[in-house]
């Protein structure tokens, strides 16, 4: 439909209130959303590039997936859980001094108090 066309189901011109039921017929923008193929993509602004869909489903680049770091993190968590079970979680492994709560809050896998 175009602006000014009569909406048969409402008996009013697009954008005008139907005096019989008070309904406002949809505008051209609203009827575009009912297109079975879906609405058209909005135009991109200056300098905006569309997303590159060629990498969908590909593995992330090696620099984003550091398996060694992930393994070290997991080892630290497992060690912290063992120390928690043993009752030594709050104790420096080398000196035997208590590890302050604020240190453990900042780094839950901390094993030592840094001097």
Protein backbone atom coordinates (compact mmCIF):
# COMPACT_ATOMS: atom_id res chain seq x y z
CA UNK A 1 0.00 0.00 0.00
CA UNK A 2 1.06 3.56 -0.44
CA UNK A 3 0.33 6.56 1.73
CA UNK A 4 -3.14 7.85 0.96
CA UNK A 5 -4.47 4.41 0.04
CA UNK A 6 -7.64 3.26 1.71
CA UNK A 7 -7.19 0.45 4.19
CA UNK A 8 -10.06 -1.90 3.42
CA UNK A 9 -10.09 -3.57 6.82
CA UNK A 10 -10.26 -0.28 8.74
CA UNK A 11 -12.17 1.97 6.35
CA UNK A 12 -9.65 4.80 6.85
CA UNK A 13 -6.75 6.27 4.94
CA UNK A 14 -3.34 5.14 6.14
CA UNK A 15 -2.18 7.22 9.08
CA UNK A 16 -5.71 8.40 9.96
CA UNK A 17 -7.93 7.25 12.82
CA UNK A 18 -10.99 5.27 11.77
CA UNK A 19 -13.98 7.15 13.22
CA UNK A 20 -15.98 3.89 13.55
CA UNK A 21 -13.64 1.97 15.85
CA UNK A 22 -10.83 4.42 16.68
CA UNK A 23 -8.22 2.10 15.17
CA UNK A 24 -5.22 3.50 13.36
CA UNK A 25 -4.38 1.50 10.25
CA UNK A 26 -0.76 0.43 9.90
CA UNK A 27 1.67 2.69 8.10
CA UNK A 28 3.78 1.48 5.19
CA UNK A 29 6.65 0.89 7.66
CA UNK A 30 4.43 -1.34 9.81
CA UNK A 31 3.08 -3.33 6.88
CA UNK A 32 6.63 -3.92 5.65
CA UNK A 33 7.21 -5.98 8.83
CA UNK A 34 4.38 -8.33 7.88
CA UNK A 35 6.15 -9.28 4.65
CA UNK A 36 6.58 -13.09 4.77
CA UNK A 37 10.21 -12.67 3.72
CA UNK A 38 10.81 -10.39 6.73
CA UNK A 39 11.73 -6.72 6.80
CA UNK A 40 14.51 -5.47 4.62
CA UNK A 41 17.86 -4.81 6.29
CA UNK A 42 18.18 -1.19 7.35
CA UNK A 43 20.66 0.86 5.36
CA UNK A 44 24.13 1.08 6.88
CA UNK A 45 25.50 4.44 7.91
CA UNK A 46 28.63 5.94 6.44
CA UNK A 47 31.72 3.98 7.41
CA UNK A 48 29.79 1.00 8.80
CA UNK A 49 30.78 -2.33 7.34
CA UNK A 50 28.39 -5.30 7.35
CA UNK A 51 29.52 -8.22 9.51
CA UNK A 52 31.74 -10.80 7.84
CA UNK A 53 29.68 -14.00 7.93
CA UNK A 54 32.48 -16.09 6.44
CA UNK A 55 33.86 -16.97 9.90
CA UNK A 56 30.59 -18.24 11.34
CA UNK A 57 31.21 -21.71 12.73
CA UNK A 58 34.99 -21.43 12.45
CA UNK A 59 37.23 -21.95 15.48
CA UNK A 60 38.38 -18.76 17.20
CA UNK A 61 41.85 -17.50 16.33
CA UNK A 62 44.66 -19.10 18.32
CA UNK A 63 45.40 -15.89 20.21
CA UNK A 64 41.84 -15.90 21.63
CA UNK A 65 41.97 -19.52 22.79
CA UNK A 66 45.02 -20.12 24.99
CA UNK A 67 44.69 -23.72 26.09
CA UNK A 68 47.82 -23.53 28.24
CA UNK A 69 46.40 -20.59 30.22
CA UNK A 70 43.06 -22.36 30.58
CA UNK A 71 44.87 -25.47 31.84
CA UNK A 72 46.84 -23.41 34.41
CA UNK A 73 43.63 -21.75 35.58
CA UNK A 74 41.94 -25.12 36.01
CA UNK A 75 44.95 -26.49 37.92
CA UNK A 76 44.79 -23.46 40.24
CA UNK A 77 41.09 -24.01 40.90
CA UNK A 78 41.61 -27.72 41.60
CA UNK A 79 44.49 -26.88 43.98
CA UNK A 80 42.36 -24.30 45.79
CA UNK A 81 39.54 -26.84 46.20
CA UNK A 82 41.98 -29.43 47.63
CA UNK A 83 43.37 -26.83 50.06
CA UNK A 84 39.81 -25.90 51.07
CA UNK A 85 39.02 -29.57 51.77
CA UNK A 86 42.29 -29.93 53.73
CA UNK A 87 41.63 -26.77 55.77
CA UNK A 88 44.76 -25.04 54.45
CA UNK A 89 43.09 -22.69 51.97
CA UNK A 90 43.74 -19.59 54.09
CA UNK A 91 47.40 -20.50 54.75
CA UNK A 92 50.50 -19.46 52.76
CA UNK A 93 52.00 -22.70 51.39
CA UNK A 94 55.61 -21.60 52.04
CA UNK A 95 55.55 -19.53 55.22
CA UNK A 96 52.45 -20.96 56.92
CA UNK A 97 51.23 -17.40 57.54
CA UNK A 98 47.53 -16.64 57.08
CA UNK A 99 46.46 -15.33 53.67
CA UNK A 100 44.29 -12.21 54.21
CA UNK A 101 40.68 -12.40 53.04
CA UNK A 102 41.17 -9.41 50.71
CA UNK A 103 44.01 -11.27 48.93
CA UNK A 104 41.81 -14.33 48.43
CA UNK A 105 38.87 -12.13 47.36
CA UNK A 106 41.05 -10.59 44.65
CA UNK A 107 42.62 -13.93 43.64
CA UNK A 108 40.71 -16.99 44.91
CA UNK A 109 43.49 -19.36 43.77
CA UNK A 110 46.30 -17.45 45.56
CA UNK A 111 48.67 -19.84 47.31
CA UNK A 112 51.07 -17.30 48.78
CA UNK A 113 51.09 -13.81 50.17
CA UNK A 114 53.30 -11.68 47.94
CA UNK A 115 55.80 -9.68 49.98
